[in-house]
PDB file of N, CA and C in Angstrom:
ATOM      1  N   MET A   1       7.659 -23.633  -7.449  1.00  0.00           N
ATOM      2  CA  MET A   1       6.716 -22.005  -7.567  1.00  0.00           C
ATOM      3  C   MET A   1       7.376 -21.703  -9.068  1.00  0.00           C
ATOM      4  N   LYS A   2       6.200 -21.429  -9.894  1.00  0.00           N
ATOM      5  CA  LYS A   2       6.508 -20.582 -11.455  1.00  0.00           C
ATOM      6  C   LYS A   2       6.597 -19.367 -11.002  1.00  0.00           C
ATOM      7  N   ASN A   3       7.958 -18.413 -12.144  1.00  0.00           N
ATOM      8  CA  ASN A   3       7.885 -17.367 -11.752  1.00  0.00           C
ATOM      9  C   ASN A   3       6.611 -16.419 -12.628  1.00  0.00           C
ATOM     10  N   LEU A   4       6.456 -15.433 -12.474  1.00  0.00           N
ATOM     11  CA  LEU A   4       5.325 -14.681 -13.019  1.00  0.00           C
ATOM     12  C   LEU A   4       5.535 -14.517 -14.589  1.00  0.00           C
ATOM     13  N   ASP A   5       6.718 -14.751 -15.271  1.00  0.00           N
ATOM     14  CA  ASP A   5       6.739 -14.731 -16.830  1.00  0.00           C
ATOM     15  C   ASP A   5       6.087 -15.790 -17.131  1.00  0.00           C
ATOM     16  N   ALA A   6       6.502 -17.103 -16.949  1.00  0.00           N
ATOM     17  CA  ALA A   6       6.205 -18.497 -16.987  1.00  0.00           C
ATOM     18  C   ALA A   6       4.424 -18.385 -16.727  1.00  0.00           C
ATOM     19  N   ILE A   7       4.106 -17.885 -15.835  1.00  0.00           N
ATOM     20  CA  ILE A   7       2.513 -17.653 -15.495  1.00  0.00           C
ATOM     21  C   ILE A   7       1.865 -17.151 -16.741  1.00  0.00           C
ATOM     22  N   ILE A   8       2.404 -15.786 -16.876  1.00  0.00           N
ATOM     23  CA  ILE A   8       1.498 -14.966 -18.091  1.00  0.00           C
ATOM     24  C   ILE A   8       1.947 -15.618 -19.166  1.00  0.00           C
ATOM     25  N   ASN A   9       2.728 -16.394 -19.849  1.00  0.00           N
ATOM     26  CA  ASN A   9       2.859 -17.172 -20.910  1.00  0.00           C
ATOM     27  C   ASN A   9       1.876 -18.264 -20.857  1.00  0.00           C
ATOM     28  N   GLU A  10       1.970 -19.055 -19.862  1.00  0.00           N
ATOM     29  CA  GLU A  10       0.702 -20.003 -19.743  1.00  0.00           C
ATOM     30  C   GLU A  10      -0.639 -19.320 -19.959  1.00  0.00           C
ATOM     31  N   ILE A  11      -0.783 -18.058 -19.326  1.00  0.00           N
ATOM     32  CA  ILE A  11      -2.289 -17.559 -19.701  1.00  0.00           C
ATOM     33  C   ILE A  11      -2.531 -17.328 -21.099  1.00  0.00           C
ATOM     34  N   GLY A  12      -1.432 -16.381 -21.980  1.00  0.00           N
ATOM     35  CA  GLY A  12      -1.331 -16.485 -22.972  1.00  0.00           C
ATOM     36  C   GLY A  12      -1.877 -17.528 -24.357  1.00  0.00           C
ATOM     37  N   PHE A  13      -0.872 -18.826 -23.752  1.00  0.00           N
ATOM     38  CA  PHE A  13      -1.347 -19.832 -24.330  1.00  0.00           C
ATOM     39  C   PHE A  13      -2.797 -20.402 -24.275  1.00  0.00           C
ATOM     40  N   LYS A  14      -2.874 -20.548 -22.942  1.00  0.00           N
ATOM     41  CA  LYS A  14      -4.439 -20.846 -22.669  1.00  0.00           C
ATOM     42  C   LYS A  14      -5.491 -20.250 -23.464  1.00  0.00           C
ATOM     43  N   ILE A  15      -5.389 -18.671 -23.463  1.00  0.00           N
ATOM     44  CA  ILE A  15      -6.232 -17.731 -24.111  1.00  0.00           C
ATOM     45  C   ILE A  15      -6.314 -18.534 -25.529  1.00  0.00           C
ATOM     46  N   VAL A  16      -4.998 -18.691 -26.459  1.00  0.00           N
ATOM     47  CA  VAL A  16      -5.304 -19.247 -27.852  1.00  0.00           C
ATOM     48  C   VAL A  16      -6.034 -20.548 -27.544  1.00  0.00           C
ATOM     49  N   GLU A  17      -5.515 -21.381 -26.773  1.00  0.00           N
ATOM     50  CA  GLU A  17      -6.550 -22.891 -26.897  1.00  0.00           C
ATOM     51  C   GLU A  17      -7.822 -22.711 -26.636  1.00  0.00           C
ATOM     52  N   LYS A  18      -8.313 -21.883 -25.518  1.00  0.00           N
ATOM     53  CA  LYS A  18      -9.581 -21.783 -25.531  1.00  0.00           C
ATOM     54  C   LYS A  18     -10.281 -20.814 -26.833  1.00  0.00           C
ATOM     55  N   ILE A  19      -9.595 -20.330 -27.487  1.00  0.00           N
ATOM     56  CA  ILE A  19     -10.073 -19.648 -28.950  1.00  0.00           C
ATOM     57  C   ILE A  19     -10.145 -20.813 -30.108  1.00  0.00           C
ATOM     58  N   ASN A  20      -9.288 -21.644 -30.006  1.00  0.00           N
ATOM     59  CA  ASN A  20      -9.260 -22.778 -30.583  1.00  0.00           C
ATOM     60  C   ASN A  20     -10.405 -23.621 -30.574  1.00  0.00           C
ATOM     61  N   GLN A  21     -10.922 -23.805 -29.494  1.00  0.00           N
ATOM     62  CA  GLN A  21     -12.148 -24.447 -28.869  1.00  0.00           C
ATOM     63  C   GLN A  21     -13.413 -23.853 -29.591  1.00  0.00           C
ATOM     64  N   GLU A  22     -13.118 -22.692 -29.778  1.00  0.00           N
ATOM     65  CA  GLU A  22     -14.679 -22.038 -30.051  1.00  0.00           C
ATOM     66  C   GLU A  22     -15.113 -22.124 -31.346  1.00  0.00           C
ATOM     67  N   GLU A  23     -16.199 -22.275 -32.343  1.00  0.00           N
ATOM     68  CA  GLU A  23     -16.743 -22.185 -33.214  1.00  0.00           C
ATOM     69  C   GLU A  23     -16.340 -21.174 -34.328  1.00  0.00           C
ATOM     70  N   ASN A  24     -16.002 -20.054 -33.760  1.00  0.00           N
ATOM     71  CA  ASN A  24     -15.592 -18.887 -34.852  1.00  0.00           C
ATOM     72  C   ASN A  24     -14.337 -18.230 -34.178  1.00  0.00           C
ATOM     73  N   LYS A  25     -12.986 -19.226 -34.633  1.00  0.00           N
ATOM     74  CA  LYS A  25     -11.974 -18.858 -34.081  1.00  0.00           C
ATOM     75  C   LYS A  25     -11.292 -17.708 -34.711  1.00  0.00           C
ATOM     76  N   THR A  26     -11.504 -17.328 -36.301  1.00  0.00           N
ATOM     77  CA  THR A  26     -11.157 -16.275 -36.518  1.00  0.00           C
ATOM     78  C   THR A  26     -11.775 -14.859 -35.834  1.00  0.00           C
ATOM     79  N   LYS A  27     -13.071 -15.373 -35.449  1.00  0.00           N
ATOM     80  CA  LYS A  27     -13.611 -13.871 -34.791  1.00  0.00           C
ATOM     81  C   LYS A  27     -12.673 -13.177 -33.279  1.00  0.00           C
ATOM     82  N   TYR A  28     -12.171 -14.779 -32.738  1.00  0.00           N
ATOM     83  CA  TYR A  28     -11.755 -14.684 -31.600  1.00  0.00           C
ATOM     84  C   TYR A  28     -10.520 -14.108 -31.537  1.00  0.00           C
ATOM     85  N   LYS A  29      -9.890 -14.613 -32.870  1.00  0.00           N
ATOM     86  CA  LYS A  29      -8.208 -14.264 -32.735  1.00  0.00           C
ATOM     87  C   LYS A  29      -8.157 -12.487 -33.297  1.00  0.00           C
ATOM     88  N   ASN A  30      -9.205 -12.329 -34.110  1.00  0.00           N
ATOM     89  CA  ASN A  30      -9.012 -10.683 -34.369  1.00  0.00           C
ATOM     90  C   ASN A  30      -9.250 -10.163 -33.141  1.00  0.00           C
ATOM     91  N   PHE A  31     -10.070 -10.542 -32.283  1.00  0.00           N
ATOM     92  CA  PHE A  31     -10.401  -9.471 -30.879  1.00  0.00           C
ATOM     93  C   PHE A  31      -9.565  -9.738 -30.062  1.00  0.00           C
ATOM     94  N   ILE A  32      -7.919 -10.656 -30.203  1.00  0.00           N
ATOM     95  CA  ILE A  32      -7.005 -10.177 -29.524  1.00  0.00           C
ATOM     96  C   ILE A  32      -6.480  -9.087 -29.758  1.00  0.00           C
ATOM     97  N   ASP A  33      -5.962  -8.428 -30.994  1.00  0.00           N
ATOM     98  CA  ASP A  33      -5.530  -7.140 -31.088  1.00  0.00           C
ATOM     99  C   ASP A  33      -6.475  -5.934 -30.835  1.00  0.00           C
ATOM    100  N   LYS A  34      -7.781  -6.371 -30.778  1.00  0.00           N
ATOM    101  CA  LYS A  34      -8.927  -5.288 -30.426  1.00  0.00           C
ATOM    102  C   LYS A  34      -8.641  -4.810 -29.048  1.00  0.00           C
ATOM    103  N   VAL A  35      -8.724  -6.234 -28.218  1.00  0.00           N
ATOM    104  CA  VAL A  35      -8.745  -6.088 -26.622  1.00  0.00           C
ATOM    105  C   VAL A  35      -7.515  -5.414 -26.122  1.00  0.00           C
ATOM    106  N   LEU A  36      -6.543  -5.720 -26.842  1.00  0.00           N
ATOM    107  CA  LEU A  36      -5.152  -5.400 -26.658  1.00  0.00           C
ATOM    108  C   LEU A  36      -5.206  -3.547 -26.586  1.00  0.00           C
ATOM    109  N   GLY A  37      -5.585  -3.304 -27.880  1.00  0.00           N
ATOM    110  CA  GLY A  37      -5.818  -1.390 -28.047  1.00  0.00           C
ATOM    111  C   GLY A  37      -6.905  -1.148 -26.893  1.00  0.00           C
ATOM    112  N   VAL A  38      -7.785  -1.958 -26.629  1.00  0.00           N
ATOM    113  CA  VAL A  38      -8.625  -1.449 -25.697  1.00  0.00           C
ATOM    114  C   VAL A  38      -7.806  -0.940 -24.393  1.00  0.00           C
ATOM    115  N   LEU A  39      -7.610  -1.885 -24.057  1.00  0.00           N
ATOM    116  CA  LEU A  39      -6.419  -2.197 -23.033  1.00  0.00           C
ATOM    117  C   LEU A  39      -5.418  -0.708 -22.608  1.00  0.00           C
ATOM    118  N   ALA A  40      -4.750  -0.831 -23.698  1.00  0.00           N
ATOM    119  CA  ALA A  40      -3.709   0.227 -24.048  1.00  0.00           C
ATOM    120  C   ALA A  40      -4.184   1.697 -23.807  1.00  0.00           C
ATOM    121  N   ASN A  41      -5.047   1.761 -24.718  1.00  0.00           N
ATOM    122  CA  ASN A  41      -5.457   3.203 -24.696  1.00  0.00           C
ATOM    123  C   ASN A  41      -6.831   3.765 -23.917  1.00  0.00           C
ATOM    124  N   ASP A  42      -7.446   2.468 -23.216  1.00  0.00           N
ATOM    125  CA  ASP A  42      -8.715   3.088 -22.403  1.00  0.00           C
ATOM    126  C   ASP A  42      -8.761   2.587 -21.173  1.00  0.00           C
ATOM    127  N   GLY A  43      -7.678   1.449 -21.105  1.00  0.00           N
ATOM    128  CA  GLY A  43      -7.609   0.939 -19.303  1.00  0.00           C
ATOM    129  C   GLY A  43      -7.853  -0.123 -19.241  1.00  0.00           C
ATOM    130  N   VAL A  44      -8.087  -0.761 -18.098  1.00  0.00           N
ATOM    131  CA  VAL A  44      -8.611  -1.831 -17.440  1.00  0.00           C
ATOM    132  C   VAL A  44      -9.977  -2.078 -17.393  1.00  0.00           C
ATOM    133  N   TYR A  45     -10.768  -0.885 -16.769  1.00  0.00           N
ATOM    134  CA  TYR A  45     -12.328  -0.955 -16.602  1.00  0.00           C
ATOM    135  C   TYR A  45     -12.626  -1.111 -18.323  1.00  0.00           C
ATOM    136  N   ALA A  46     -12.350  -0.314 -19.409  1.00  0.00           N
ATOM    137  CA  ALA A  46     -12.437  -0.155 -20.618  1.00  0.00           C
ATOM    138  C   ALA A  46     -12.508  -1.709 -20.975  1.00  0.00           C
ATOM    139  N   TYR A  47     -11.288  -2.319 -20.731  1.00  0.00           N
ATOM    140  CA  TYR A  47     -11.233  -3.864 -21.124  1.00  0.00           C
ATOM    141  C   TYR A  47     -12.293  -4.403 -20.965  1.00  0.00           C
ATOM    142  N   TRP A  48     -12.507  -4.581 -19.621  1.00  0.00           N
ATOM    143  CA  TRP A  48     -13.801  -5.394 -18.929  1.00  0.00           C
ATOM    144  C   TRP A  48     -15.205  -4.944 -19.860  1.00  0.00           C
ATOM    145  N   VAL A  49     -15.182  -4.057 -19.764  1.00  0.00           N
ATOM    146  CA  VAL A  49     -16.744  -3.416 -20.215  1.00  0.00           C
ATOM    147  C   VAL A  49     -16.658  -3.883 -21.893  1.00  0.00           C
ATOM    148  N   TYR A  50     -15.538  -3.630 -22.783  1.00  0.00           N
ATOM    149  CA  TYR A  50     -15.727  -4.063 -23.830  1.00  0.00           C
ATOM    150  C   TYR A  50     -15.810  -5.805 -24.011  1.00  0.00           C
ATOM    151  N   CYS A  51     -14.993  -6.475 -23.356  1.00  0.00           N
ATOM    152  CA  CYS A  51     -15.045  -7.737 -23.143  1.00  0.00           C
ATOM    153  C   CYS A  51     -16.525  -8.406 -23.146  1.00  0.00           C
ATOM    154  N   LYS A  52     -16.891  -7.760 -22.052  1.00  0.00           N
ATOM    155  CA  LYS A  52     -18.680  -7.953 -21.551  1.00  0.00           C
ATOM    156  C   LYS A  52     -19.632  -7.852 -22.818  1.00  0.00           C
ATOM    157  N   ALA A  53     -19.287  -6.393 -23.565  1.00  0.00           N
ATOM    158  CA  ALA A  53     -20.188  -6.023 -24.440  1.00  0.00           C
ATOM    159  C   ALA A  53     -20.149  -7.001 -25.626  1.00  0.00           C
ATOM    160  N   ASN A  54     -18.891  -7.812 -26.095  1.00  0.00           N
ATOM    161  CA  ASN A  54     -18.894  -8.042 -27.179  1.00  0.00           C
ATOM    162  C   ASN A  54     -19.000  -9.709 -26.903  1.00  0.00           C
ATOM    163  N   LYS A  55     -19.337 -10.062 -25.795  1.00  0.00           N
ATOM    164  CA  LYS A  55     -19.303 -11.372 -25.461  1.00  0.00           C
ATOM    165  C   LYS A  55     -18.118 -12.393 -25.388  1.00  0.00           C
ATOM    166  N   ILE A  56     -17.125 -11.615 -25.273  1.00  0.00           N
ATOM    167  CA  ILE A  56     -15.606 -12.735 -25.295  1.00  0.00           C
ATOM    168  C   ILE A  56     -15.245 -13.094 -23.914  1.00  0.00           C
ATOM    169  N   ASP A  57     -15.720 -12.193 -23.014  1.00  0.00           N
ATOM    170  CA  ASP A  57     -15.368 -12.897 -21.323  1.00  0.00           C
ATOM    171  C   ASP A  57     -14.928 -13.874 -21.329  1.00  0.00           C
ATOM    172  N   ASN A  58     -15.605 -14.957 -21.709  1.00  0.00           N
ATOM    173  CA  ASN A  58     -15.421 -16.092 -21.373  1.00  0.00           C
ATOM    174  C   ASN A  58     -13.928 -16.845 -21.802  1.00  0.00           C
ATOM    175  N   VAL A  59     -13.173 -16.051 -22.696  1.00  0.00           N
ATOM    176  CA  VAL A  59     -11.816 -16.326 -23.094  1.00  0.00           C
ATOM    177  C   VAL A  59     -11.033 -15.123 -22.773  1.00  0.00           C
ATOM    178  N   PHE A  60     -11.280 -13.969 -22.434  1.00  0.00           N
ATOM    179  CA  PHE A  60     -10.446 -12.802 -22.327  1.00  0.00           C
ATOM    180  C   PHE A  60     -10.732 -12.154 -20.955  1.00  0.00           C
ATOM    181  N   ILE A  61     -11.538 -13.004 -20.148  1.00  0.00           N
ATOM    182  CA  ILE A  61     -11.477 -12.482 -19.023  1.00  0.00           C
ATOM    183  C   ILE A  61     -11.592 -13.798 -17.983  1.00  0.00           C
ATOM    184  N   ASN A  62     -11.730 -14.867 -18.191  1.00  0.00           N
ATOM    185  CA  ASN A  62     -12.149 -15.929 -17.371  1.00  0.00           C
ATOM    186  C   ASN A  62     -10.733 -16.312 -17.166  1.00  0.00           C
ATOM    187  N   GLU A  63      -9.974 -16.293 -18.476  1.00  0.00           N
ATOM    188  CA  GLU A  63      -8.294 -16.941 -18.541  1.00  0.00           C
ATOM    189  C   GLU A  63      -7.633 -16.211 -17.433  1.00  0.00           C
ATOM    190  N   LEU A  64      -8.088 -15.005 -17.066  1.00  0.00           N
ATOM    191  CA  LEU A  64      -7.405 -13.985 -16.063  1.00  0.00           C
ATOM    192  C   LEU A  64      -7.059 -14.213 -14.762  1.00  0.00           C
ATOM    193  N   GLU A  65      -7.802 -15.185 -14.457  1.00  0.00           N
ATOM    194  CA  GLU A  65      -8.178 -15.654 -12.928  1.00  0.00           C
ATOM    195  C   GLU A  65      -6.799 -15.980 -12.084  1.00  0.00           C
ATOM    196  N   VAL A  66      -5.717 -16.306 -12.583  1.00  0.00           N
ATOM    197  CA  VAL A  66      -4.786 -16.519 -12.131  1.00  0.00           C
ATOM    198  C   VAL A  66      -3.845 -15.072 -11.611  1.00  0.00           C
ATOM    199  N   ILE A  67      -4.361 -14.026 -12.363  1.00  0.00           N
ATOM    200  CA  ILE A  67      -3.603 -12.689 -12.191  1.00  0.00           C
ATOM    201  C   ILE A  67      -4.489 -12.102 -11.268  1.00  0.00           C
ATOM    202  N   MET A  68      -5.802 -12.126 -11.699  1.00  0.00           N
ATOM    203  CA  MET A  68      -6.825 -11.456 -10.646  1.00  0.00           C
ATOM    204  C   MET A  68      -6.576 -12.103  -9.020  1.00  0.00           C
ATOM    205  N   LYS A  69      -6.150 -13.484  -8.678  1.00  0.00           N
ATOM    206  CA  LYS A  69      -5.698 -13.737  -7.563  1.00  0.00           C
ATOM    207  C   LYS A  69      -4.624 -13.289  -6.878  1.00  0.00           C
ATOM    208  N   VAL A  70      -3.606 -12.930  -7.610  1.00  0.00           N
ATOM    209  CA  VAL A  70      -2.433 -12.276  -7.048  1.00  0.00           C
ATOM    210  C   VAL A  70      -2.820 -11.321  -6.420  1.00  0.00           C
ATOM    211  N   ILE A  71      -3.774 -10.415  -6.993  1.00  0.00           N
ATOM    212  CA  ILE A  71      -4.200  -8.966  -6.278  1.00  0.00           C
ATOM    213  C   ILE A  71      -5.209  -9.296  -5.606  1.00  0.00           C
ATOM    214  N   SER A  72      -6.117 -10.123  -5.677  1.00  0.00           N
ATOM    215  CA  SER A  72      -7.174 -10.286  -4.708  1.00  0.00           C
ATOM    216  C   SER A  72      -7.552 -11.935  -4.450  1.00  0.00           C
ATOM    217  N   ASN A  73      -7.839 -12.249  -3.194  1.00  0.00           N
ATOM    218  CA  ASN A  73      -8.234 -13.457  -3.050  1.00  0.00           C
ATOM    219  C   ASN A  73      -9.510 -13.909  -3.602  1.00  0.00           C
ATOM    220  N   GLU A  74     -10.440 -12.836  -3.506  1.00  0.00           N
ATOM    221  CA  GLU A  74     -11.845 -12.793  -3.862  1.00  0.00           C
ATOM    222  C   GLU A  74     -12.141 -12.658  -5.215  1.00  0.00           C
ATOM    223  N   VAL A  75     -12.636 -13.572  -5.919  1.00  0.00           N
ATOM    224  CA  VAL A  75     -12.588 -12.871  -7.689  1.00  0.00           C
ATOM    225  C   VAL A  75     -13.585 -13.654  -8.126  1.00  0.00           C
ATOM    226  N   SER A  76     -14.644 -14.206  -7.317  1.00  0.00           N
ATOM    227  CA  SER A  76     -15.643 -14.948  -7.647  1.00  0.00           C
ATOM    228  C   SER A  76     -16.643 -13.799  -8.482  1.00  0.00           C
ATOM    229  N   ASN A  77     -16.716 -12.797  -8.185  1.00  0.00           N
ATOM    230  CA  ASN A  77     -17.388 -11.445  -8.857  1.00  0.00           C
ATOM    231  C   ASN A  77     -16.612 -10.598  -9.487  1.00  0.00           C
ATOM    232  N   LYS A  78     -16.344 -10.894 -10.766  1.00  0.00           N
ATOM    233  CA  LYS A  78     -15.578 -10.220 -11.453  1.00  0.00           C
ATOM    234  C   LYS A  78     -15.744  -8.688 -11.452  1.00  0.00           C
ATOM    235  N   GLU A  79     -17.257  -8.567 -11.743  1.00  0.00           N
ATOM    236  CA  GLU A  79     -17.230  -7.126 -11.916  1.00  0.00           C
ATOM    237  C   GLU A  79     -17.004  -6.351 -10.855  1.00  0.00           C
ATOM    238  N   GLN A  80     -17.052  -7.054  -9.701  1.00  0.00           N
ATOM    239  CA  GLN A  80     -16.570  -6.150  -8.698  1.00  0.00           C
ATOM    240  C   GLN A  80     -15.267  -5.855  -8.358  1.00  0.00           C
ATOM    241  N   PHE A  81     -14.479  -7.066  -9.071  1.00  0.00           N
ATOM    242  CA  PHE A  81     -13.186  -6.968  -8.825  1.00  0.00           C
ATOM    243  C   PHE A  81     -12.635  -5.915  -9.937  1.00  0.00           C
ATOM    244  N   PHE A  82     -13.225  -5.717 -10.973  1.00  0.00           N
ATOM    245  CA  PHE A  82     -12.770  -4.855 -11.796  1.00  0.00           C
ATOM    246  C   PHE A  82     -12.992  -3.157 -11.413  1.00  0.00           C
ATOM    247  N   GLN A  83     -14.080  -3.260 -10.761  1.00  0.00           N
ATOM    248  CA  GLN A  83     -14.342  -1.797 -10.009  1.00  0.00           C
ATOM    249  C   GLN A  83     -13.666  -1.698  -9.033  1.00  0.00           C
ATOM    250  N   ASN A  84     -13.062  -2.562  -8.148  1.00  0.00           N
ATOM    251  CA  ASN A  84     -12.478  -2.457  -7.034  1.00  0.00           C
ATOM    252  C   ASN A  84     -10.738  -1.823  -7.296  1.00  0.00           C
ATOM    253  N   LEU A  85     -10.410  -2.682  -8.528  1.00  0.00           N
ATOM    254  CA  LEU A  85      -9.190  -2.386  -8.832  1.00  0.00           C
ATOM    255  C   LEU A  85      -8.433  -1.062  -8.984  1.00  0.00           C
ATOM    256  N   SER A  86      -9.569  -0.186  -9.535  1.00  0.00           N
ATOM    257  CA  SER A  86      -8.985   1.100  -9.502  1.00  0.00           C
ATOM    258  C   SER A  86      -8.793   2.091  -8.139  1.00  0.00           C
ATOM    259  N   THR A  87      -8.689   1.360  -7.106  1.00  0.00           N
ATOM    260  CA  THR A  87      -8.756   2.169  -5.823  1.00  0.00           C
ATOM    261  C   THR A  87      -7.519   2.091  -5.397  1.00  0.00           C
ATOM    262  N   ASP A  88      -6.634   1.115  -5.912  1.00  0.00           N
ATOM    263  CA  ASP A  88      -5.455   1.065  -5.767  1.00  0.00           C
ATOM    264  C   ASP A  88      -4.332   1.211  -7.228  1.00  0.00           C
ATOM    265  N   ILE A  89      -3.632   2.394  -7.347  1.00  0.00           N
ATOM    266  CA  ILE A  89      -3.092   2.432  -8.548  1.00  0.00           C
ATOM    267  C   ILE A  89      -1.970   1.668  -8.846  1.00  0.00           C
ATOM    268  N   HIS A  90      -1.146   0.834  -7.696  1.00  0.00           N
ATOM    269  CA  HIS A  90      -0.171   0.226  -7.895  1.00  0.00           C
ATOM    270  C   HIS A  90      -0.839  -1.220  -8.202  1.00  0.00           C
ATOM    271  N   GLN A  91      -1.598  -1.538  -7.751  1.00  0.00           N
ATOM    272  CA  GLN A  91      -2.370  -3.021  -8.448  1.00  0.00           C
ATOM    273  C   GLN A  91      -2.847  -2.556  -9.321  1.00  0.00           C
ATOM    274  N   LEU A  92      -3.604  -1.404 -10.187  1.00  0.00           N
ATOM    275  CA  LEU A  92      -4.028  -1.434 -11.297  1.00  0.00           C
ATOM    276  C   LEU A  92      -3.388  -1.306 -12.537  1.00  0.00           C
ATOM    277  N   LEU A  93      -1.677  -0.746 -12.284  1.00  0.00           N
ATOM    278  CA  LEU A  93      -0.863  -0.592 -13.098  1.00  0.00           C
ATOM    279  C   LEU A  93      -0.174  -1.872 -13.439  1.00  0.00           C
ATOM    280  N   PHE A  94      -0.133  -2.633 -11.965  1.00  0.00           N
ATOM    281  CA  PHE A  94       0.491  -4.302 -12.228  1.00  0.00           C
ATOM    282  C   PHE A  94      -0.408  -4.763 -13.411  1.00  0.00           C
ATOM    283  N   PHE A  95      -1.677  -5.229 -12.680  1.00  0.00           N
ATOM    284  CA  PHE A  95      -2.879  -5.792 -13.209  1.00  0.00           C
ATOM    285  C   PHE A  95      -2.756  -5.786 -14.820  1.00  0.00           C
ATOM    286  N   LYS A  96      -2.525  -4.252 -15.356  1.00  0.00           N
ATOM    287  CA  LYS A  96      -2.805  -3.930 -16.821  1.00  0.00           C
ATOM    288  C   LYS A  96      -1.684  -4.332 -17.500  1.00  0.00           C
ATOM    289  N   ASP A  97      -0.368  -4.201 -16.718  1.00  0.00           N
ATOM    290  CA  ASP A  97       1.062  -4.432 -17.196  1.00  0.00           C
ATOM    291  C   ASP A  97       0.929  -6.169 -17.404  1.00  0.00           C
ATOM    292  N   MET A  98       0.463  -6.829 -16.666  1.00  0.00           N
ATOM    293  CA  MET A  98       0.465  -8.347 -16.777  1.00  0.00           C
ATOM    294  C   MET A  98      -0.533  -8.842 -17.585  1.00  0.00           C
ATOM    295  N   VAL A  99      -1.806  -8.202 -17.886  1.00  0.00           N
ATOM    296  CA  VAL A  99      -2.639  -8.448 -18.882  1.00  0.00           C
ATOM    297  C   VAL A  99      -2.130  -8.113 -20.278  1.00  0.00           C
ATOM    298  N   GLU A 100      -1.533  -7.158 -20.396  1.00  0.00           N
ATOM    299  CA  GLU A 100      -1.013  -6.544 -21.657  1.00  0.00           C
ATOM    300  C   GLU A 100       0.030  -7.907 -22.302  1.00  0.00           C
ATOM    301  N   LYS A 101       0.953  -7.984 -21.160  1.00  0.00           N
ATOM    302  CA  LYS A 101       1.962  -8.845 -21.489  1.00  0.00           C
ATOM    303  C   LYS A 101       1.318 -10.508 -22.007  1.00  0.00           C
ATOM    304  N   ALA A 102       0.032 -10.755 -21.552  1.00  0.00           N
ATOM    305  CA  ALA A 102      -0.615 -12.287 -21.652  1.00  0.00           C
ATOM    306  C   ALA A 102      -1.069 -11.991 -23.018  1.00  0.00           C
ATOM    307  N   LEU A 103      -1.634 -10.960 -23.468  1.00  0.00           N
ATOM    308  CA  LEU A 103      -2.347 -10.673 -24.523  1.00  0.00           C
ATOM    309  C   LEU A 103      -1.285 -10.606 -25.899  1.00  0.00           C
ATOM    310  N   ILE A 104      -0.235  -9.969 -25.376  1.00  0.00           N
ATOM    311  CA  ILE A 104       0.721  -9.851 -26.404  1.00  0.00           C
ATOM    312  C   ILE A 104       1.590 -11.532 -26.729  1.00  0.00           C
ATOM    313  N   TYR A 105       1.455 -11.957 -25.674  1.00  0.00           N
ATOM    314  CA  TYR A 105       2.133 -13.440 -25.908  1.00  0.00           C
ATOM    315  C   TYR A 105       0.900 -14.388 -26.686  1.00  0.00           C
ATOM    316  N   ALA A 106      -0.570 -14.342 -26.369  1.00  0.00           N
ATOM    317  CA  ALA A 106      -1.510 -14.471 -27.138  1.00  0.00           C
ATOM    318  C   ALA A 106      -1.353 -14.411 -28.629  1.00  0.00           C
ATOM    319  N   ARG A 107      -0.939 -13.158 -29.177  1.00  0.00           N
ATOM    320  CA  ARG A 107      -1.191 -12.758 -30.270  1.00  0.00           C
ATOM    321  C   ARG A 107      -0.205 -13.334 -30.933  1.00  0.00           C
ATOM    322  N   TYR A 108       1.131 -13.350 -30.692  1.00  0.00           N
ATOM    323  CA  TYR A 108       2.295 -14.435 -31.002  1.00  0.00           C
ATOM    324  C   TYR A 108       1.989 -15.686 -31.289  1.00  0.00           C
ATOM    325  N   HIS A 109       1.458 -16.082 -30.290  1.00  0.00           N
ATOM    326  CA  HIS A 109       0.922 -17.984 -30.108  1.00  0.00           C
ATOM    327  C   HIS A 109      -0.120 -18.128 -31.351  1.00  0.00           C
ATOM    328  N   ALA A 110      -0.953 -17.140 -31.162  1.00  0.00           N
ATOM    329  CA  ALA A 110      -2.134 -17.441 -32.280  1.00  0.00           C
ATOM    330  C   ALA A 110      -1.417 -17.420 -33.675  1.00  0.00           C
ATOM    331  N   LYS A 111      -0.671 -16.470 -33.801  1.00  0.00           N
ATOM    332  CA  LYS A 111      -0.090 -16.465 -35.373  1.00  0.00           C
ATOM    333  C   LYS A 111       0.968 -17.390 -35.843  1.00  0.00           C
ATOM    334  N   ALA A 112       1.658 -17.878 -34.602  1.00  0.00           N
ATOM    335  CA  ALA A 112       2.410 -19.083 -34.933  1.00  0.00           C
ATOM    336  C   ALA A 112       1.688 -20.146 -35.056  1.00  0.00           C
ATOM    337  N   THR A 113       0.577 -20.574 -34.792  1.00  0.00           N
ATOM    338  CA  THR A 113      -0.477 -21.765 -34.948  1.00  0.00           C
ATOM    339  C   THR A 113      -1.408 -21.581 -36.439  1.00  0.00           C
ATOM    340  N   GLY A 114      -1.142 -20.661 -37.027  1.00  0.00           N
ATOM    341  CA  GLY A 114      -1.595 -20.178 -38.371  1.00  0.00           C
ATOM    342  C   GLY A 114      -2.978 -19.978 -38.333  1.00  0.00           C
ATOM    343  N   ASP A 115      -3.956 -20.960 -38.586  1.00  0.00           N
ATOM    344  CA  ASP A 115      -5.575 -21.042 -38.908  1.00  0.00           C
ATOM    345  C   ASP A 115      -5.487 -19.653 -39.724  1.00  0.00           C
TER     346      ASP A 115
END
């Protein structure tokens, strides 16, 4: 079994892998910093809404399923997951910290790959 930091590292790596498969890589790489800012300043639900509104959830939401499953076994309805997350402050803060760390790893990995 992997430790949590290894899982988060892997998520950050997968985010960048997914970005590299996209047609407009630069757009998605720029969004790493933007979604990180939304998450840090406005919270988890704002992060969800921002990703959906900018149609980048295929990268910045879907890759988080591993963390989502740690909190809830049922993640098929992601909108419901994000709405329910706010009912438990401990889970909310844990999830926020894990996503923030994954995005930071993704940012460093994206910078290391160049492009």
